[in-house]
Amino acid sequence: MAGTFVIAQGGGPTAVINQTVVGATLEIRKRHPGARVLGSIHGVRGIRDGNYADLSAIPEDRLRLIAGTPSAALGSTRDKPDAGYCEVILKGLQKAGADAFIYIGGNDTSGTQQILTDAAGGKIAFVHAPKTIDNDLEENDHTPGFISAAEFVAGAFLSVDLDFRALPGIYVGIVMG
């Protein structure tokens, strides 16, 4: 089965979200030679709008560089689709000829995948790849994204703390998650 696989990123970017895109792409290439891998630009909005990057065409050495890049290489979205929006997404996946949809993110992406799974009736495989800095997914101890975010924030605040010891006043830092 070659087929077409669609990958999208949702929610906040983390240091590990690009590694999941690259890992999934390379594994699809290995297990399904000739498969088409489409990266949806800005999460489910890209599916809605038919906006994809062909990840099948990117050389492996370049993909591996992307894996080490911070942020979300495909762009992300904060859209939280309801049943109506999921119907639009499903039509977009069908238009792209998707056999499988891998959605990377946290609770909202998990919920979206459940709505899509129920609506598709088994015609498309839906996979949720958990990545969240909130660490709030049910039945998980912790997820990739949480630890890297916690380590980054701890290091950043240690630096800021040392800098602000030299100055009078108060520093207020705000962190996602």
N, C-alpha and C. Protein backbone atom coordinates (compact mmCIF):
# COMPACT_ATOMS: atom_id res chain seq x y z
N MET A 1 0.85 -1.18 0.00
CA MET A 1 0.00 0.00 0.00
C MET A 1 0.89 1.24 0.00
N ALA A 2 0.88 1.96 -1.08
CA ALA A 2 1.62 3.23 -1.10
C ALA A 2 0.74 4.26 -0.41
N GLY A 3 -0.24 4.79 -1.09
CA GLY A 3 -1.20 5.68 -0.47
C GLY A 3 -0.73 7.10 -0.24
N THR A 4 -1.62 7.88 0.34
CA THR A 4 -1.35 9.27 0.67
C THR A 4 -1.56 9.48 2.16
N PHE A 5 -0.54 10.06 2.78
CA PHE A 5 -0.55 10.36 4.20
C PHE A 5 -0.51 11.87 4.38
N VAL A 6 -1.38 12.40 5.21
CA VAL A 6 -1.39 13.83 5.52
C VAL A 6 -0.94 13.99 6.97
N ILE A 7 0.00 14.92 7.18
CA ILE A 7 0.51 15.21 8.53
C ILE A 7 0.25 16.68 8.82
N ALA A 8 -0.23 16.98 10.03
CA ALA A 8 -0.46 18.37 10.43
C ALA A 8 -0.01 18.57 11.87
N GLN A 9 0.32 19.82 12.19
CA GLN A 9 0.69 20.21 13.54
C GLN A 9 -0.39 21.12 14.10
N GLY A 10 -0.74 20.94 15.37
CA GLY A 10 -1.74 21.78 16.01
C GLY A 10 -1.25 22.27 17.36
N GLY A 11 -1.78 23.38 17.80
CA GLY A 11 -1.44 23.93 19.11
C GLY A 11 -0.10 24.63 19.12
N GLY A 12 0.47 24.73 20.31
CA GLY A 12 1.73 25.46 20.49
C GLY A 12 2.92 24.68 19.98
N PRO A 13 3.89 25.39 19.40
CA PRO A 13 5.09 24.72 18.91
C PRO A 13 5.97 24.28 20.09
N THR A 14 6.66 23.17 19.91
CA THR A 14 7.61 22.69 20.92
C THR A 14 8.89 22.28 20.22
N ALA A 15 9.91 22.03 20.98
CA ALA A 15 11.19 21.62 20.41
C ALA A 15 11.12 20.24 19.77
N VAL A 16 10.10 19.47 20.06
CA VAL A 16 10.04 18.11 19.54
C VAL A 16 9.00 17.90 18.44
N ILE A 17 8.19 18.90 18.14
CA ILE A 17 7.10 18.69 17.18
C ILE A 17 7.62 18.43 15.76
N ASN A 18 8.71 19.10 15.37
CA ASN A 18 9.28 18.86 14.05
C ASN A 18 9.91 17.47 13.96
N GLN A 19 10.43 16.98 15.08
CA GLN A 19 10.99 15.62 15.08
C GLN A 19 9.91 14.60 14.77
N THR A 20 8.70 14.85 15.22
CA THR A 20 7.60 13.93 14.94
C THR A 20 7.22 13.96 13.47
N VAL A 21 7.17 15.15 12.88
CA VAL A 21 6.88 15.26 11.44
C VAL A 21 7.92 14.48 10.64
N VAL A 22 9.18 14.72 10.95
CA VAL A 22 10.27 14.08 10.21
C VAL A 22 10.28 12.57 10.46
N GLY A 23 10.14 12.16 11.72
CA GLY A 23 10.12 10.73 12.04
C GLY A 23 8.99 10.01 11.33
N ALA A 24 7.80 10.60 11.33
CA ALA A 24 6.66 9.99 10.64
C ALA A 24 6.91 9.92 9.14
N THR A 25 7.43 10.99 8.57
CA THR A 25 7.70 11.02 7.13
C THR A 25 8.70 9.94 6.74
N LEU A 26 9.79 9.84 7.48
CA LEU A 26 10.82 8.84 7.16
C LEU A 26 10.30 7.41 7.36
N GLU A 27 9.49 7.21 8.38
CA GLU A 27 8.93 5.88 8.63
C GLU A 27 7.93 5.50 7.54
N ILE A 28 7.13 6.46 7.10
CA ILE A 28 6.19 6.20 6.00
C ILE A 28 6.97 5.82 4.75
N ARG A 29 8.03 6.55 4.44
CA ARG A 29 8.86 6.24 3.27
C ARG A 29 9.41 4.82 3.35
N LYS A 30 9.84 4.42 4.55
CA LYS A 30 10.43 3.10 4.73
C LYS A 30 9.38 1.99 4.59
N ARG A 31 8.24 2.18 5.23
CA ARG A 31 7.21 1.14 5.25
C ARG A 31 6.31 1.13 4.03
N HIS A 32 6.19 2.28 3.37
CA HIS A 32 5.28 2.40 2.22
C HIS A 32 6.00 3.09 1.06
N PRO A 33 6.96 2.40 0.44
CA PRO A 33 7.70 3.03 -0.67
C PRO A 33 6.74 3.56 -1.74
N GLY A 34 7.01 4.76 -2.19
CA GLY A 34 6.16 5.38 -3.21
C GLY A 34 4.98 6.15 -2.65
N ALA A 35 4.78 6.10 -1.34
CA ALA A 35 3.66 6.84 -0.73
C ALA A 35 3.89 8.34 -0.86
N ARG A 36 2.80 9.05 -0.91
CA ARG A 36 2.86 10.51 -0.93
C ARG A 36 2.62 11.00 0.49
N VAL A 37 3.50 11.89 0.96
CA VAL A 37 3.36 12.46 2.30
C VAL A 37 3.16 13.96 2.15
N LEU A 38 1.99 14.42 2.57
CA LEU A 38 1.65 15.84 2.46
C LEU A 38 1.65 16.47 3.85
N GLY A 39 2.37 17.56 3.99
CA GLY A 39 2.36 18.32 5.24
C GLY A 39 1.37 19.46 5.11
N SER A 40 0.37 19.46 5.96
CA SER A 40 -0.66 20.51 5.91
C SER A 40 -0.11 21.79 6.53
N ILE A 41 -0.17 22.87 5.78
CA ILE A 41 0.35 24.16 6.24
C ILE A 41 -0.67 24.80 7.19
N HIS A 42 -0.22 25.10 8.39
CA HIS A 42 -1.04 25.67 9.46
C HIS A 42 -2.16 24.74 9.90
N GLY A 43 -1.77 23.49 10.19
CA GLY A 43 -2.70 22.54 10.78
C GLY A 43 -3.90 22.24 9.92
N VAL A 44 -5.06 22.12 10.56
CA VAL A 44 -6.28 21.76 9.84
C VAL A 44 -6.72 22.86 8.87
N ARG A 45 -6.25 24.08 9.07
CA ARG A 45 -6.56 25.14 8.10
C ARG A 45 -6.01 24.81 6.73
N GLY A 46 -4.83 24.21 6.70
CA GLY A 46 -4.22 23.80 5.43
C GLY A 46 -5.05 22.76 4.72
N ILE A 47 -5.64 21.85 5.48
CA ILE A 47 -6.51 20.83 4.88
C ILE A 47 -7.76 21.51 4.35
N ARG A 48 -8.32 22.39 5.14
CA ARG A 48 -9.51 23.13 4.71
C ARG A 48 -9.25 23.89 3.42
N ASP A 49 -8.05 24.52 3.34
CA ASP A 49 -7.72 25.37 2.20
C ASP A 49 -6.99 24.65 1.07
N GLY A 50 -6.67 23.37 1.26
CA GLY A 50 -5.91 22.63 0.26
C GLY A 50 -4.46 23.10 0.15
N ASN A 51 -3.88 23.53 1.25
CA ASN A 51 -2.53 24.09 1.27
C ASN A 51 -1.56 23.08 1.89
N TYR A 52 -0.75 22.43 1.04
CA TYR A 52 0.14 21.37 1.50
C TYR A 52 1.56 21.59 0.99
N ALA A 53 2.51 21.04 1.75
CA ALA A 53 3.90 20.91 1.30
C ALA A 53 4.12 19.43 1.03
N ASP A 54 4.73 19.10 -0.10
CA ASP A 54 4.98 17.70 -0.44
C ASP A 54 6.24 17.24 0.29
N LEU A 55 6.07 16.56 1.40
CA LEU A 55 7.20 16.10 2.20
C LEU A 55 7.90 14.91 1.55
N SER A 56 7.21 14.25 0.60
CA SER A 56 7.81 13.13 -0.12
C SER A 56 9.00 13.58 -0.95
N ALA A 57 8.98 14.83 -1.37
CA ALA A 57 10.00 15.35 -2.29
C ALA A 57 11.23 15.91 -1.57
N ILE A 58 11.18 16.01 -0.25
CA ILE A 58 12.30 16.62 0.49
C ILE A 58 13.35 15.55 0.77
N PRO A 59 14.61 15.81 0.39
CA PRO A 59 15.68 14.84 0.65
C PRO A 59 15.84 14.56 2.15
N GLU A 60 16.25 13.34 2.47
CA GLU A 60 16.36 12.93 3.88
C GLU A 60 17.30 13.82 4.68
N ASP A 61 18.42 14.24 4.09
CA ASP A 61 19.36 15.08 4.86
C ASP A 61 18.73 16.42 5.22
N ARG A 62 17.89 16.95 4.35
CA ARG A 62 17.20 18.21 4.66
C ARG A 62 16.13 17.99 5.73
N LEU A 63 15.42 16.86 5.63
CA LEU A 63 14.42 16.54 6.65
C LEU A 63 15.07 16.45 8.03
N ARG A 64 16.24 15.84 8.09
CA ARG A 64 16.93 15.70 9.38
C ARG A 64 17.33 17.06 9.95
N LEU A 65 17.62 18.02 9.09
CA LEU A 65 17.88 19.38 9.57
C LEU A 65 16.61 20.00 10.15
N ILE A 66 15.49 19.75 9.49
CA ILE A 66 14.20 20.26 9.98
C ILE A 66 13.88 19.67 11.35
N ALA A 67 14.25 18.40 11.56
CA ALA A 67 13.96 17.73 12.84
C ALA A 67 14.60 18.46 14.02
N GLY A 68 15.74 19.10 13.79
CA GLY A 68 16.42 19.81 14.86
C GLY A 68 16.08 21.28 14.96
N THR A 69 15.12 21.71 14.18
CA THR A 69 14.74 23.12 14.14
C THR A 69 13.62 23.40 15.14
N PRO A 70 13.73 24.47 15.94
CA PRO A 70 12.64 24.80 16.87
C PRO A 70 11.40 25.31 16.13
N SER A 71 10.32 25.45 16.85
CA SER A 71 9.04 25.95 16.36
C SER A 71 8.27 24.84 15.64
N ALA A 72 7.38 25.20 14.74
CA ALA A 72 6.57 24.24 13.99
C ALA A 72 6.80 24.49 12.51
N ALA A 73 7.58 23.63 11.86
CA ALA A 73 8.01 23.84 10.47
C ALA A 73 6.83 23.96 9.51
N LEU A 74 5.75 23.25 9.78
CA LEU A 74 4.58 23.31 8.91
C LEU A 74 3.63 24.45 9.29
N GLY A 75 3.94 25.14 10.36
CA GLY A 75 2.99 26.12 10.87
C GLY A 75 1.94 25.39 11.69
N SER A 76 1.27 26.10 12.55
CA SER A 76 0.30 25.48 13.43
C SER A 76 -1.00 26.28 13.39
N THR A 77 -1.93 25.88 14.21
CA THR A 77 -3.19 26.58 14.32
C THR A 77 -3.74 26.39 15.73
N ARG A 78 -4.55 27.32 16.15
CA ARG A 78 -5.26 27.20 17.42
C ARG A 78 -6.73 26.89 17.17
N ASP A 79 -7.08 26.58 15.91
CA ASP A 79 -8.47 26.21 15.61
C ASP A 79 -8.86 24.99 16.44
N LYS A 80 -10.05 25.04 17.00
CA LYS A 80 -10.60 23.91 17.75
C LYS A 80 -11.88 23.49 17.02
N PRO A 81 -11.73 22.59 16.04
CA PRO A 81 -12.87 22.26 15.18
C PRO A 81 -14.02 21.59 15.91
N ASP A 82 -15.23 22.04 15.56
CA ASP A 82 -16.44 21.37 16.02
C ASP A 82 -16.85 20.38 14.92
N ALA A 83 -18.00 19.74 15.07
CA ALA A 83 -18.44 18.73 14.11
C ALA A 83 -18.57 19.31 12.70
N GLY A 84 -19.09 20.54 12.58
CA GLY A 84 -19.24 21.16 11.26
C GLY A 84 -17.90 21.42 10.59
N TYR A 85 -16.96 21.94 11.33
CA TYR A 85 -15.62 22.21 10.80
C TYR A 85 -14.95 20.88 10.43
N CYS A 86 -15.18 19.84 11.25
CA CYS A 86 -14.60 18.54 10.95
C CYS A 86 -15.13 17.96 9.65
N GLU A 87 -16.37 18.26 9.31
CA GLU A 87 -16.91 17.83 8.01
C GLU A 87 -16.12 18.48 6.87
N VAL A 88 -15.78 19.75 7.03
CA VAL A 88 -14.97 20.46 6.03
C VAL A 88 -13.58 19.84 5.94
N ILE A 89 -12.99 19.52 7.09
CA ILE A 89 -11.67 18.88 7.12
C ILE A 89 -11.74 17.52 6.42
N LEU A 90 -12.76 16.75 6.72
CA LEU A 90 -12.92 15.43 6.12
C LEU A 90 -13.02 15.53 4.60
N LYS A 91 -13.78 16.50 4.11
CA LYS A 91 -13.88 16.71 2.66
C LYS A 91 -12.52 17.09 2.08
N GLY A 92 -11.76 17.91 2.81
CA GLY A 92 -10.42 18.28 2.36
C GLY A 92 -9.49 17.08 2.29
N LEU A 93 -9.57 16.21 3.29
CA LEU A 93 -8.76 14.99 3.28
C LEU A 93 -9.14 14.08 2.12
N GLN A 94 -10.44 13.96 1.87
CA GLN A 94 -10.90 13.15 0.75
C GLN A 94 -10.43 13.73 -0.58
N LYS A 95 -10.49 15.05 -0.71
CA LYS A 95 -10.03 15.72 -1.93
C LYS A 95 -8.54 15.48 -2.16
N ALA A 96 -7.76 15.43 -1.09
CA ALA A 96 -6.32 15.17 -1.19
C ALA A 96 -6.03 13.69 -1.43
N GLY A 97 -7.05 12.85 -1.35
CA GLY A 97 -6.86 11.41 -1.53
C GLY A 97 -6.21 10.74 -0.33
N ALA A 98 -6.42 11.31 0.85
CA ALA A 98 -5.75 10.81 2.06
C ALA A 98 -6.24 9.42 2.44
N ASP A 99 -5.28 8.55 2.72
CA ASP A 99 -5.58 7.25 3.29
C ASP A 99 -5.39 7.28 4.80
N ALA A 100 -4.57 8.24 5.26
CA ALA A 100 -4.31 8.38 6.70
C ALA A 100 -4.02 9.84 7.02
N PHE A 101 -4.42 10.25 8.22
CA PHE A 101 -4.17 11.60 8.70
C PHE A 101 -3.52 11.51 10.07
N ILE A 102 -2.29 12.03 10.18
CA ILE A 102 -1.55 12.07 11.43
C ILE A 102 -1.60 13.51 11.93
N TYR A 103 -2.18 13.71 13.11
CA TYR A 103 -2.32 15.06 13.66
C TYR A 103 -1.53 15.12 14.96
N ILE A 104 -0.56 16.03 15.00
CA ILE A 104 0.36 16.16 16.13
C ILE A 104 -0.10 17.29 17.03
N GLY A 105 -0.26 17.03 18.32
CA GLY A 105 -0.65 18.08 19.25
C GLY A 105 -1.18 17.52 20.55
N GLY A 106 -1.97 18.32 21.24
CA GLY A 106 -2.47 17.97 22.56
C GLY A 106 -3.93 17.59 22.57
N ASN A 107 -4.64 18.06 23.61
CA ASN A 107 -6.04 17.69 23.82
C ASN A 107 -6.94 18.05 22.65
N ASP A 108 -6.79 19.27 22.12
CA ASP A 108 -7.67 19.69 21.03
C ASP A 108 -7.46 18.83 19.78
N THR A 109 -6.22 18.51 19.46
CA THR A 109 -5.97 17.67 18.28
C THR A 109 -6.51 16.26 18.52
N SER A 110 -6.40 15.79 19.74
CA SER A 110 -6.95 14.47 20.08
C SER A 110 -8.47 14.47 19.89
N GLY A 111 -9.13 15.51 20.36
CA GLY A 111 -10.58 15.62 20.20
C GLY A 111 -10.99 15.72 18.75
N THR A 112 -10.22 16.47 17.97
CA THR A 112 -10.50 16.59 16.53
C THR A 112 -10.40 15.23 15.86
N GLN A 113 -9.35 14.47 16.20
CA GLN A 113 -9.18 13.15 15.59
C GLN A 113 -10.34 12.22 15.94
N GLN A 114 -10.87 12.34 17.14
CA GLN A 114 -12.01 11.50 17.53
C GLN A 114 -13.24 11.85 16.70
N ILE A 115 -13.51 13.14 16.54
CA ILE A 115 -14.67 13.56 15.73
C ILE A 115 -14.50 13.07 14.29
N LEU A 116 -13.28 13.23 13.73
CA LEU A 116 -13.02 12.80 12.36
C LEU A 116 -13.14 11.29 12.21
N THR A 117 -12.63 10.55 13.18
CA THR A 117 -12.73 9.08 13.14
C THR A 117 -14.18 8.65 13.09
N ASP A 118 -15.00 9.24 13.93
CA ASP A 118 -16.42 8.90 13.97
C ASP A 118 -17.12 9.25 12.66
N ALA A 119 -16.75 10.40 12.08
CA ALA A 119 -17.41 10.87 10.85
C ALA A 119 -16.97 10.10 9.61
N ALA A 120 -15.73 9.61 9.58
CA ALA A 120 -15.18 8.99 8.37
C ALA A 120 -15.64 7.56 8.16
N GLY A 121 -16.11 6.91 9.19
CA GLY A 121 -16.61 5.55 9.02
C GLY A 121 -15.57 4.55 8.55
N GLY A 122 -14.32 4.71 8.95
CA GLY A 122 -13.28 3.75 8.62
C GLY A 122 -12.63 3.93 7.26
N LYS A 123 -13.00 4.96 6.52
CA LYS A 123 -12.44 5.15 5.18
C LYS A 123 -11.05 5.78 5.20
N ILE A 124 -10.72 6.45 6.28
CA ILE A 124 -9.40 7.07 6.46
C ILE A 124 -8.92 6.67 7.86
N ALA A 125 -7.62 6.35 7.96
CA ALA A 125 -7.04 6.06 9.27
C ALA A 125 -6.63 7.37 9.94
N PHE A 126 -6.98 7.54 11.21
CA PHE A 126 -6.65 8.75 11.95
C PHE A 126 -5.72 8.40 13.10
N VAL A 127 -4.59 9.11 13.16
CA VAL A 127 -3.58 8.87 14.19
C VAL A 127 -3.33 10.17 14.93
N HIS A 128 -3.37 10.11 16.26
CA HIS A 128 -3.01 11.28 17.07
C HIS A 128 -1.61 11.05 17.61
N ALA A 129 -0.70 11.97 17.31
CA ALA A 129 0.67 11.92 17.85
C ALA A 129 0.75 12.94 18.97
N PRO A 130 0.76 12.50 20.24
CA PRO A 130 0.69 13.44 21.36
C PRO A 130 1.96 14.26 21.54
N LYS A 131 1.78 15.56 21.53
CA LYS A 131 2.84 16.53 21.83
C LYS A 131 2.16 17.70 22.50
N THR A 132 2.49 17.96 23.76
CA THR A 132 1.87 19.08 24.44
C THR A 132 2.75 19.59 25.56
N ILE A 133 2.86 20.90 25.66
CA ILE A 133 3.60 21.46 26.78
C ILE A 133 2.72 21.55 28.03
N ASP A 134 1.42 21.36 27.86
CA ASP A 134 0.49 21.43 28.99
C ASP A 134 0.51 20.16 29.84
N ASN A 135 0.93 19.04 29.23
CA ASN A 135 0.96 17.75 29.92
C ASN A 135 -0.42 17.40 30.49
N ASP A 136 -1.47 17.63 29.69
CA ASP A 136 -2.83 17.44 30.19
C ASP A 136 -3.63 16.38 29.42
N LEU A 137 -2.95 15.51 28.70
CA LEU A 137 -3.67 14.45 28.00
C LEU A 137 -4.07 13.35 28.98
N GLU A 138 -5.27 12.87 28.83
CA GLU A 138 -5.76 11.81 29.71
C GLU A 138 -4.94 10.54 29.51
N GLU A 139 -4.76 9.81 30.60
CA GLU A 139 -4.11 8.50 30.60
C GLU A 139 -2.65 8.53 30.14
N ASN A 140 -2.00 9.68 30.23
CA ASN A 140 -0.56 9.80 29.95
C ASN A 140 0.12 10.36 31.18
N ASP A 141 1.27 9.80 31.51
CA ASP A 141 2.05 10.36 32.61
C ASP A 141 2.64 11.69 32.17
N HIS A 142 3.32 11.68 31.03
CA HIS A 142 3.83 12.92 30.44
C HIS A 142 4.01 12.70 28.94
N THR A 143 4.09 13.76 28.20
CA THR A 143 4.21 13.66 26.76
C THR A 143 5.44 14.42 26.28
N PRO A 144 5.99 14.00 25.11
CA PRO A 144 7.07 14.81 24.53
C PRO A 144 6.55 16.23 24.31
N GLY A 145 7.36 17.17 24.56
CA GLY A 145 6.94 18.57 24.50
C GLY A 145 6.93 19.16 25.89
N PHE A 146 6.36 18.42 26.84
CA PHE A 146 6.28 18.91 28.22
C PHE A 146 7.67 19.03 28.83
N ILE A 147 8.45 17.98 28.72
CA ILE A 147 9.77 17.98 29.35
C ILE A 147 10.68 19.00 28.69
N SER A 148 10.67 19.05 27.35
CA SER A 148 11.54 20.02 26.67
C SER A 148 11.13 21.45 27.01
N ALA A 149 9.83 21.69 27.12
CA ALA A 149 9.36 23.03 27.49
C ALA A 149 9.76 23.36 28.93
N ALA A 150 9.61 22.40 29.83
CA ALA A 150 9.97 22.63 31.23
C ALA A 150 11.46 22.92 31.38
N GLU A 151 12.29 22.16 30.66
CA GLU A 151 13.74 22.38 30.73
C GLU A 151 14.11 23.75 30.18
N PHE A 152 13.50 24.13 29.06
CA PHE A 152 13.79 25.43 28.46
C PHE A 152 13.40 26.56 29.41
N VAL A 153 12.20 26.48 29.96
CA VAL A 153 11.72 27.53 30.86
C VAL A 153 12.60 27.63 32.10
N ALA A 154 12.97 26.49 32.67
CA ALA A 154 13.83 26.50 33.85
C ALA A 154 15.16 27.19 33.55
N GLY A 155 15.76 26.87 32.41
CA GLY A 155 17.03 27.49 32.02
C GLY A 155 16.88 28.98 31.75
N ALA A 156 15.80 29.34 31.07
CA ALA A 156 15.57 30.75 30.74
C ALA A 156 15.36 31.58 32.01
N PHE A 157 14.56 31.05 32.93
CA PHE A 157 14.30 31.80 34.16
C PHE A 157 15.52 31.87 35.07
N LEU A 158 16.38 30.86 35.02
CA LEU A 158 17.62 30.92 35.79
C LEU A 158 18.48 32.08 35.29
N SER A 159 18.58 32.21 33.97
CA SER A 159 19.34 33.32 33.38
C SER A 159 18.73 34.66 33.74
N VAL A 160 17.42 34.77 33.59
CA VAL A 160 16.73 36.02 33.89
C VAL A 160 16.90 36.36 35.37
N ASP A 161 16.80 35.35 36.23
CA ASP A 161 16.96 35.58 37.67
C ASP A 161 18.34 36.18 37.97
N LEU A 162 19.36 35.62 37.37
CA LEU A 162 20.71 36.14 37.60
C LEU A 162 20.85 37.57 37.09
N ASP A 163 20.27 37.85 35.91
CA ASP A 163 20.33 39.21 35.36
C ASP A 163 19.61 40.21 36.26
N PHE A 164 18.44 39.83 36.74
CA PHE A 164 17.64 40.78 37.51
C PHE A 164 18.07 40.92 38.96
N ARG A 165 18.96 40.08 39.42
CA ARG A 165 19.53 40.29 40.76
C ARG A 165 20.39 41.55 40.79
N ALA A 166 20.84 41.96 39.61
CA ALA A 166 21.68 43.16 39.51
C ALA A 166 20.86 44.44 39.49
N LEU A 167 19.54 44.30 39.38
CA LEU A 167 18.67 45.48 39.25
C LEU A 167 17.59 45.49 40.34
N PRO A 168 17.13 46.68 40.72
CA PRO A 168 15.99 46.73 41.64
C PRO A 168 14.69 46.47 40.86
N GLY A 169 13.66 46.10 41.55
CA GLY A 169 12.36 45.95 40.90
C GLY A 169 11.92 44.51 40.82
N ILE A 170 10.87 44.31 40.05
CA ILE A 170 10.23 43.00 39.94
C ILE A 170 10.19 42.60 38.47
N TYR A 171 10.38 41.34 38.20
CA TYR A 171 10.25 40.79 36.85
C TYR A 171 9.08 39.81 36.86
N VAL A 172 8.19 39.92 35.89
CA VAL A 172 7.08 38.98 35.76
C VAL A 172 7.26 38.26 34.43
N GLY A 173 7.35 36.94 34.48
CA GLY A 173 7.46 36.13 33.27
C GLY A 173 6.19 35.34 33.05
N ILE A 174 5.75 35.25 31.81
CA ILE A 174 4.54 34.51 31.47
C ILE A 174 4.94 33.35 30.55
N VAL A 175 4.43 32.17 30.85
CA VAL A 175 4.81 30.97 30.12
C VAL A 175 3.55 30.27 29.60
N MET A 176 3.59 29.81 28.33
CA MET A 176 2.49 29.01 27.79
C MET A 176 2.37 27.70 28.56
N GLY A 177 1.18 27.15 28.60
CA GLY A 177 0.99 25.85 29.23
C GLY A 177 0.66 26.00 30.67
